Amino acid sequence: MGNLIPPDRLYVHSEASNPARWRYVQNTLDAARSIAATEAHVTFCGHIHQPALYSMSSAAKMTSFVPTSGVPVQLLGGRRWLAVLGSVGQPRDRDPAASFAMFDTSSSEITYCRVPYDVEAAAKRIRENGLPLWLADRLLVGR
């Protein structure tokens, strides 16, 4: 059986330059390091729990932005991309709604999505199970 992931995409938890170090992608410098470590057209990562999209031109010029929920973004050829997906359960961008992205392999479009969920119920379960209170509290404010 062949490789199921096309070579133009890479999936990592933290970032691509040294995944075992669990570094956070917090700015364009971090994103550039990750993008430069691979030949993939698009690298998908998490770990930071804050959705963001970075790109690098063929001249190594970086761009970055925070995507708008529900608005597709064309991941153009000629650039390489790093998509930081956010978090379904513990976003840390002051929005408690679940964050994820959908990638259309046919059109090479990525759409970030936010979906509200019962944050109060999740926080209550954390408290009831004796976990640290700060884990429950941060769900309520998305931090």
N, C-alpha and C. Protein backbone atom coordinates (compact mmCIF):
# COMPACT_ATOMS: atom_id res chain seq x y z
N MET A 1 0.84 -1.17 0.00
CA MET A 1 0.00 0.00 0.00
C MET A 1 0.89 1.23 0.00
N GLY A 2 0.59 2.21 -0.84
CA GLY A 2 1.40 3.42 -0.98
C GLY A 2 1.13 4.45 0.10
N ASN A 3 1.86 5.53 0.00
CA ASN A 3 1.70 6.64 0.92
C ASN A 3 0.33 7.28 0.71
N LEU A 4 -0.47 7.42 1.76
CA LEU A 4 -1.81 7.98 1.65
C LEU A 4 -1.81 9.51 1.69
N ILE A 5 -0.73 10.13 2.16
CA ILE A 5 -0.65 11.58 2.22
C ILE A 5 0.19 12.06 1.04
N PRO A 6 -0.38 12.89 0.19
CA PRO A 6 0.39 13.41 -0.95
C PRO A 6 1.62 14.18 -0.46
N PRO A 7 2.70 14.17 -1.23
CA PRO A 7 3.93 14.83 -0.80
C PRO A 7 3.83 16.35 -0.73
N ASP A 8 2.75 16.94 -1.25
CA ASP A 8 2.61 18.39 -1.18
C ASP A 8 2.03 18.88 0.14
N ARG A 9 1.71 17.93 1.05
CA ARG A 9 1.16 18.29 2.35
C ARG A 9 1.94 17.60 3.46
N LEU A 10 2.04 18.29 4.58
CA LEU A 10 2.69 17.73 5.76
C LEU A 10 1.82 18.05 6.96
N TYR A 11 1.66 17.07 7.85
CA TYR A 11 0.87 17.25 9.06
C TYR A 11 1.78 17.03 10.26
N VAL A 12 1.88 18.04 11.11
CA VAL A 12 2.71 17.95 12.31
C VAL A 12 1.91 18.50 13.49
N HIS A 13 2.28 18.11 14.69
CA HIS A 13 1.57 18.66 15.85
C HIS A 13 2.08 20.06 16.19
N SER A 14 3.38 20.20 16.31
CA SER A 14 3.92 21.51 16.69
C SER A 14 4.40 22.26 15.45
N GLU A 15 5.62 22.02 15.01
CA GLU A 15 6.13 22.67 13.80
C GLU A 15 7.14 21.76 13.14
N ALA A 16 7.47 22.04 11.90
CA ALA A 16 8.19 21.06 11.07
C ALA A 16 9.71 21.07 11.24
N SER A 17 10.31 22.12 11.77
CA SER A 17 11.78 22.14 11.81
C SER A 17 12.35 21.17 12.83
N ASN A 18 11.64 20.93 13.90
CA ASN A 18 12.10 19.99 14.91
C ASN A 18 10.89 19.59 15.76
N PRO A 19 10.00 18.74 15.22
CA PRO A 19 8.75 18.40 15.91
C PRO A 19 8.94 17.88 17.33
N ALA A 20 10.04 17.21 17.60
CA ALA A 20 10.26 16.64 18.93
C ALA A 20 10.49 17.72 20.00
N ARG A 21 10.83 18.94 19.59
CA ARG A 21 11.05 20.01 20.56
C ARG A 21 9.76 20.70 20.99
N TRP A 22 8.66 20.45 20.30
CA TRP A 22 7.34 20.98 20.65
C TRP A 22 7.33 22.50 20.70
N ARG A 23 8.00 23.15 19.75
CA ARG A 23 8.02 24.61 19.71
C ARG A 23 6.68 25.15 19.25
N TYR A 24 6.35 26.32 19.74
CA TYR A 24 5.13 27.01 19.34
C TYR A 24 5.40 27.89 18.13
N VAL A 25 4.43 27.98 17.22
CA VAL A 25 4.46 28.93 16.11
C VAL A 25 3.65 30.14 16.58
N GLN A 26 4.38 31.20 16.96
CA GLN A 26 3.72 32.38 17.52
C GLN A 26 3.88 33.63 16.66
N ASN A 27 4.73 33.55 15.63
CA ASN A 27 4.98 34.74 14.81
C ASN A 27 5.54 34.29 13.46
N THR A 28 5.81 35.27 12.58
CA THR A 28 6.29 34.92 11.24
C THR A 28 7.68 34.30 11.26
N LEU A 29 8.51 34.65 12.22
CA LEU A 29 9.84 34.03 12.32
C LEU A 29 9.71 32.53 12.61
N ASP A 30 8.85 32.18 13.56
CA ASP A 30 8.61 30.77 13.87
C ASP A 30 8.02 30.05 12.65
N ALA A 31 7.08 30.70 11.99
CA ALA A 31 6.45 30.09 10.81
C ALA A 31 7.46 29.89 9.69
N ALA A 32 8.33 30.87 9.47
CA ALA A 32 9.35 30.76 8.42
C ALA A 32 10.27 29.57 8.69
N ARG A 33 10.66 29.38 9.94
CA ARG A 33 11.51 28.24 10.30
C ARG A 33 10.81 26.93 9.96
N SER A 34 9.53 26.85 10.26
CA SER A 34 8.78 25.63 9.98
C SER A 34 8.61 25.40 8.49
N ILE A 35 8.24 26.44 7.76
CA ILE A 35 8.04 26.31 6.31
C ILE A 35 9.34 25.93 5.61
N ALA A 36 10.45 26.54 6.02
CA ALA A 36 11.74 26.27 5.38
C ALA A 36 12.24 24.85 5.62
N ALA A 37 11.71 24.19 6.62
CA ALA A 37 12.17 22.84 6.98
C ALA A 37 11.58 21.75 6.09
N THR A 38 10.67 22.10 5.20
CA THR A 38 10.01 21.10 4.38
C THR A 38 9.80 21.63 2.96
N GLU A 39 9.59 20.74 2.03
CA GLU A 39 9.27 21.13 0.66
C GLU A 39 7.76 21.13 0.41
N ALA A 40 6.97 20.82 1.43
CA ALA A 40 5.52 20.73 1.26
C ALA A 40 4.93 22.08 0.86
N HIS A 41 3.93 22.03 0.02
CA HIS A 41 3.18 23.23 -0.36
C HIS A 41 2.40 23.76 0.85
N VAL A 42 1.81 22.84 1.62
CA VAL A 42 1.04 23.22 2.81
C VAL A 42 1.45 22.33 3.98
N THR A 43 1.76 22.97 5.10
CA THR A 43 1.99 22.26 6.36
C THR A 43 0.87 22.63 7.30
N PHE A 44 0.26 21.63 7.91
CA PHE A 44 -0.82 21.84 8.88
C PHE A 44 -0.27 21.54 10.26
N CYS A 45 -0.53 22.44 11.22
CA CYS A 45 -0.07 22.17 12.58
C CYS A 45 -1.06 22.69 13.60
N GLY A 46 -0.86 22.31 14.83
CA GLY A 46 -1.70 22.73 15.94
C GLY A 46 -0.80 23.27 17.05
N HIS A 47 -0.93 22.71 18.22
CA HIS A 47 -0.09 22.96 19.39
C HIS A 47 -0.30 24.32 20.03
N ILE A 48 -0.39 25.38 19.27
CA ILE A 48 -0.50 26.73 19.84
C ILE A 48 -1.94 27.06 20.23
N HIS A 49 -2.93 26.39 19.66
CA HIS A 49 -4.35 26.59 19.97
C HIS A 49 -4.86 27.97 19.54
N GLN A 50 -4.19 28.61 18.58
CA GLN A 50 -4.62 29.90 18.04
C GLN A 50 -4.58 29.82 16.52
N PRO A 51 -5.73 29.93 15.85
CA PRO A 51 -5.72 29.81 14.39
C PRO A 51 -4.94 30.95 13.73
N ALA A 52 -4.15 30.58 12.73
CA ALA A 52 -3.37 31.56 11.96
C ALA A 52 -2.99 30.93 10.64
N LEU A 53 -2.69 31.78 9.66
CA LEU A 53 -2.26 31.30 8.35
C LEU A 53 -1.05 32.12 7.93
N TYR A 54 0.01 31.42 7.56
CA TYR A 54 1.27 32.06 7.15
C TYR A 54 1.61 31.57 5.75
N SER A 55 2.30 32.43 5.00
CA SER A 55 2.81 31.98 3.70
C SER A 55 4.19 32.58 3.45
N MET A 56 4.94 31.88 2.61
CA MET A 56 6.28 32.31 2.24
C MET A 56 6.36 32.33 0.71
N SER A 57 6.77 33.45 0.16
CA SER A 57 6.92 33.55 -1.30
C SER A 57 8.20 32.85 -1.74
N SER A 58 8.39 32.73 -3.04
CA SER A 58 9.62 32.12 -3.56
C SER A 58 10.84 32.95 -3.22
N ALA A 59 10.64 34.24 -2.91
CA ALA A 59 11.74 35.13 -2.48
C ALA A 59 11.87 35.16 -0.95
N ALA A 60 11.17 34.24 -0.26
CA ALA A 60 11.20 34.10 1.20
C ALA A 60 10.52 35.25 1.94
N LYS A 61 9.65 35.98 1.26
CA LYS A 61 8.87 37.02 1.93
C LYS A 61 7.70 36.36 2.66
N MET A 62 7.54 36.71 3.94
CA MET A 62 6.50 36.11 4.76
C MET A 62 5.28 37.02 4.85
N THR A 63 4.11 36.38 4.88
CA THR A 63 2.87 37.07 5.19
C THR A 63 2.15 36.25 6.25
N SER A 64 1.30 36.93 7.02
CA SER A 64 0.53 36.21 8.03
C SER A 64 -0.79 36.93 8.26
N PHE A 65 -1.78 36.18 8.66
CA PHE A 65 -3.03 36.78 9.08
C PHE A 65 -3.84 35.79 9.89
N VAL A 66 -4.80 36.34 10.63
CA VAL A 66 -5.75 35.51 11.37
C VAL A 66 -6.95 35.33 10.46
N PRO A 67 -7.26 34.10 10.10
CA PRO A 67 -8.35 33.86 9.16
C PRO A 67 -9.72 34.18 9.76
N THR A 68 -10.66 34.51 8.89
CA THR A 68 -12.04 34.78 9.28
C THR A 68 -12.84 33.49 9.12
N SER A 69 -13.59 33.15 10.13
CA SER A 69 -14.40 31.93 10.10
C SER A 69 -15.35 31.95 8.91
N GLY A 70 -15.37 30.83 8.18
CA GLY A 70 -16.29 30.66 7.07
C GLY A 70 -15.87 31.27 5.76
N VAL A 71 -14.72 31.93 5.71
CA VAL A 71 -14.25 32.57 4.49
C VAL A 71 -13.11 31.74 3.89
N PRO A 72 -13.33 31.10 2.73
CA PRO A 72 -12.28 30.28 2.13
C PRO A 72 -11.09 31.13 1.68
N VAL A 73 -9.91 30.55 1.82
CA VAL A 73 -8.67 31.20 1.38
C VAL A 73 -8.00 30.28 0.37
N GLN A 74 -7.70 30.81 -0.79
CA GLN A 74 -7.01 30.04 -1.84
C GLN A 74 -5.53 29.96 -1.48
N LEU A 75 -5.01 28.75 -1.33
CA LEU A 75 -3.60 28.57 -1.05
C LEU A 75 -2.86 28.47 -2.38
N LEU A 76 -2.48 29.63 -2.87
CA LEU A 76 -1.91 29.76 -4.20
C LEU A 76 -0.59 29.01 -4.34
N GLY A 77 -0.36 28.48 -5.53
CA GLY A 77 0.94 27.92 -5.86
C GLY A 77 1.95 29.06 -5.93
N GLY A 78 3.21 28.74 -5.90
CA GLY A 78 4.23 29.78 -5.91
C GLY A 78 4.52 30.30 -4.51
N ARG A 79 3.69 29.95 -3.57
CA ARG A 79 3.89 30.25 -2.15
C ARG A 79 3.85 28.93 -1.40
N ARG A 80 4.46 28.90 -0.25
CA ARG A 80 4.34 27.75 0.65
C ARG A 80 3.61 28.22 1.89
N TRP A 81 2.82 27.35 2.47
CA TRP A 81 1.86 27.74 3.49
C TRP A 81 2.03 26.96 4.78
N LEU A 82 1.74 27.64 5.89
CA LEU A 82 1.66 26.99 7.20
C LEU A 82 0.31 27.36 7.78
N ALA A 83 -0.54 26.36 7.98
CA ALA A 83 -1.87 26.56 8.53
C ALA A 83 -1.88 26.08 9.97
N VAL A 84 -2.01 27.02 10.91
CA VAL A 84 -2.14 26.69 12.32
C VAL A 84 -3.64 26.61 12.59
N LEU A 85 -4.11 25.45 13.01
CA LEU A 85 -5.53 25.16 12.96
C LEU A 85 -6.35 25.63 14.16
N GLY A 86 -5.75 25.92 15.26
CA GLY A 86 -6.51 26.31 16.45
C GLY A 86 -6.74 25.10 17.33
N SER A 87 -7.92 25.03 17.96
CA SER A 87 -8.20 23.93 18.87
C SER A 87 -9.70 23.70 18.97
N VAL A 88 -10.08 22.46 18.95
CA VAL A 88 -11.49 22.12 19.09
C VAL A 88 -11.94 22.31 20.54
N GLY A 89 -11.08 21.98 21.50
CA GLY A 89 -11.51 21.99 22.90
C GLY A 89 -10.93 23.07 23.77
N GLN A 90 -9.82 23.66 23.42
CA GLN A 90 -9.23 24.66 24.28
C GLN A 90 -8.59 25.79 23.48
N PRO A 91 -9.39 26.52 22.70
CA PRO A 91 -8.80 27.64 21.97
C PRO A 91 -8.22 28.68 22.94
N ARG A 92 -7.18 29.35 22.49
CA ARG A 92 -6.50 30.32 23.35
C ARG A 92 -6.39 31.68 22.67
N ASP A 93 -7.43 32.04 21.94
CA ASP A 93 -7.44 33.33 21.25
C ASP A 93 -8.61 34.20 21.71
N ARG A 94 -9.08 33.95 22.91
CA ARG A 94 -10.17 34.69 23.56
C ARG A 94 -11.54 34.42 22.94
N ASP A 95 -11.65 33.37 22.14
CA ASP A 95 -12.93 32.95 21.58
C ASP A 95 -13.13 31.50 22.02
N PRO A 96 -14.08 31.22 22.93
CA PRO A 96 -14.22 29.86 23.44
C PRO A 96 -14.80 28.85 22.45
N ALA A 97 -15.30 29.30 21.30
CA ALA A 97 -15.85 28.37 20.31
C ALA A 97 -14.75 27.46 19.77
N ALA A 98 -15.14 26.24 19.42
CA ALA A 98 -14.20 25.28 18.83
C ALA A 98 -13.66 25.84 17.52
N SER A 99 -12.39 25.61 17.25
CA SER A 99 -11.73 26.09 16.04
C SER A 99 -11.16 24.90 15.27
N PHE A 100 -11.44 24.87 13.98
CA PHE A 100 -10.87 23.85 13.10
C PHE A 100 -10.85 24.40 11.69
N ALA A 101 -10.28 23.65 10.76
CA ALA A 101 -10.23 24.09 9.37
C ALA A 101 -10.57 22.92 8.46
N MET A 102 -11.11 23.26 7.30
CA MET A 102 -11.39 22.27 6.26
C MET A 102 -10.53 22.64 5.05
N PHE A 103 -9.88 21.64 4.48
CA PHE A 103 -9.03 21.87 3.32
C PHE A 103 -9.62 21.14 2.13
N ASP A 104 -9.94 21.88 1.08
CA ASP A 104 -10.47 21.31 -0.16
C ASP A 104 -9.29 20.98 -1.06
N THR A 105 -9.01 19.70 -1.21
CA THR A 105 -7.84 19.28 -1.98
C THR A 105 -8.00 19.57 -3.48
N SER A 106 -9.24 19.67 -3.96
CA SER A 106 -9.47 19.96 -5.38
C SER A 106 -9.16 21.41 -5.72
N SER A 107 -9.63 22.32 -4.88
CA SER A 107 -9.46 23.75 -5.17
C SER A 107 -8.28 24.37 -4.43
N SER A 108 -7.68 23.62 -3.53
CA SER A 108 -6.59 24.11 -2.68
C SER A 108 -7.03 25.32 -1.86
N GLU A 109 -8.27 25.22 -1.34
CA GLU A 109 -8.80 26.26 -0.46
C GLU A 109 -8.91 25.73 0.96
N ILE A 110 -8.58 26.60 1.90
CA ILE A 110 -8.75 26.26 3.31
C ILE A 110 -9.79 27.20 3.89
N THR A 111 -10.69 26.63 4.67
CA THR A 111 -11.72 27.41 5.34
C THR A 111 -11.64 27.12 6.84
N TYR A 112 -11.36 28.16 7.59
CA TYR A 112 -11.35 28.03 9.04
C TYR A 112 -12.79 28.16 9.55
N CYS A 113 -13.11 27.42 10.60
CA CYS A 113 -14.47 27.40 11.12
C CYS A 113 -14.45 27.57 12.64
N ARG A 114 -15.46 28.24 13.15
CA ARG A 114 -15.68 28.35 14.59
C ARG A 114 -17.06 27.81 14.87
N VAL A 115 -17.18 26.95 15.86
CA VAL A 115 -18.45 26.34 16.22
C VAL A 115 -18.62 26.43 17.74
N PRO A 116 -19.68 27.11 18.17
CA PRO A 116 -19.94 27.18 19.61
C PRO A 116 -20.29 25.79 20.15
N TYR A 117 -19.95 25.55 21.38
CA TYR A 117 -20.35 24.32 22.06
C TYR A 117 -20.66 24.67 23.51
N ASP A 118 -21.18 23.75 24.26
CA ASP A 118 -21.59 24.01 25.64
C ASP A 118 -20.35 24.09 26.54
N VAL A 119 -19.74 25.25 26.54
CA VAL A 119 -18.51 25.48 27.31
C VAL A 119 -18.79 25.34 28.81
N GLU A 120 -19.94 25.82 29.25
CA GLU A 120 -20.30 25.72 30.68
C GLU A 120 -20.35 24.26 31.13
N ALA A 121 -20.95 23.39 30.31
CA ALA A 121 -21.03 21.97 30.66
C ALA A 121 -19.65 21.34 30.69
N ALA A 122 -18.80 21.70 29.73
CA ALA A 122 -17.44 21.15 29.71
C ALA A 122 -16.66 21.60 30.95
N ALA A 123 -16.79 22.88 31.32
CA ALA A 123 -16.10 23.40 32.50
C ALA A 123 -16.61 22.70 33.77
N LYS A 124 -17.91 22.49 33.84
CA LYS A 124 -18.50 21.81 35.00
C LYS A 124 -17.94 20.39 35.14
N ARG A 125 -17.81 19.68 34.03
CA ARG A 125 -17.27 18.31 34.08
C ARG A 125 -15.82 18.31 34.55
N ILE A 126 -15.06 19.32 34.12
CA ILE A 126 -13.66 19.42 34.57
C ILE A 126 -13.63 19.58 36.08
N ARG A 127 -14.46 20.49 36.60
CA ARG A 127 -14.50 20.73 38.05
C ARG A 127 -14.95 19.48 38.80
N GLU A 128 -15.98 18.81 38.30
CA GLU A 128 -16.52 17.62 38.96
C GLU A 128 -15.52 16.47 39.02
N ASN A 129 -14.59 16.44 38.07
CA ASN A 129 -13.61 15.37 38.04
C ASN A 129 -12.33 15.71 38.78
N GLY A 130 -12.35 16.81 39.52
CA GLY A 130 -11.22 17.15 40.39
C GLY A 130 -9.99 17.67 39.68
N LEU A 131 -10.16 18.08 38.44
CA LEU A 131 -9.02 18.64 37.71
C LEU A 131 -8.79 20.08 38.18
N PRO A 132 -7.62 20.64 37.90
CA PRO A 132 -7.35 22.02 38.33
C PRO A 132 -8.41 22.99 37.83
N LEU A 133 -8.86 23.89 38.68
CA LEU A 133 -9.93 24.83 38.34
C LEU A 133 -9.57 25.72 37.16
N TRP A 134 -8.29 26.06 37.03
CA TRP A 134 -7.88 26.94 35.93
C TRP A 134 -8.16 26.31 34.57
N LEU A 135 -8.17 24.97 34.49
CA LEU A 135 -8.50 24.31 33.22
C LEU A 135 -9.95 24.59 32.83
N ALA A 136 -10.82 24.59 33.81
CA ALA A 136 -12.23 24.90 33.54
C ALA A 136 -12.41 26.38 33.25
N ASP A 137 -11.77 27.22 34.03
CA ASP A 137 -11.94 28.67 33.89
C ASP A 137 -11.48 29.17 32.52
N ARG A 138 -10.39 28.63 32.02
CA ARG A 138 -9.88 29.14 30.74
C ARG A 138 -10.76 28.75 29.56
N LEU A 139 -11.53 27.67 29.70
CA LEU A 139 -12.47 27.34 28.63
C LEU A 139 -13.50 28.46 28.43
N LEU A 140 -13.91 29.08 29.52
CA LEU A 140 -14.97 30.08 29.48
C LEU A 140 -14.54 31.35 28.75
N VAL A 141 -13.25 31.65 28.76
CA VAL A 141 -12.76 32.88 28.13
C VAL A 141 -11.88 32.62 26.92
N GLY A 142 -11.67 31.35 26.57
CA GLY A 142 -10.84 31.04 25.40
C GLY A 142 -9.39 31.40 25.60
N ARG A 143 -8.87 31.19 26.78
CA ARG A 143 -7.46 31.48 27.08
C ARG A 143 -6.85 30.23 27.64
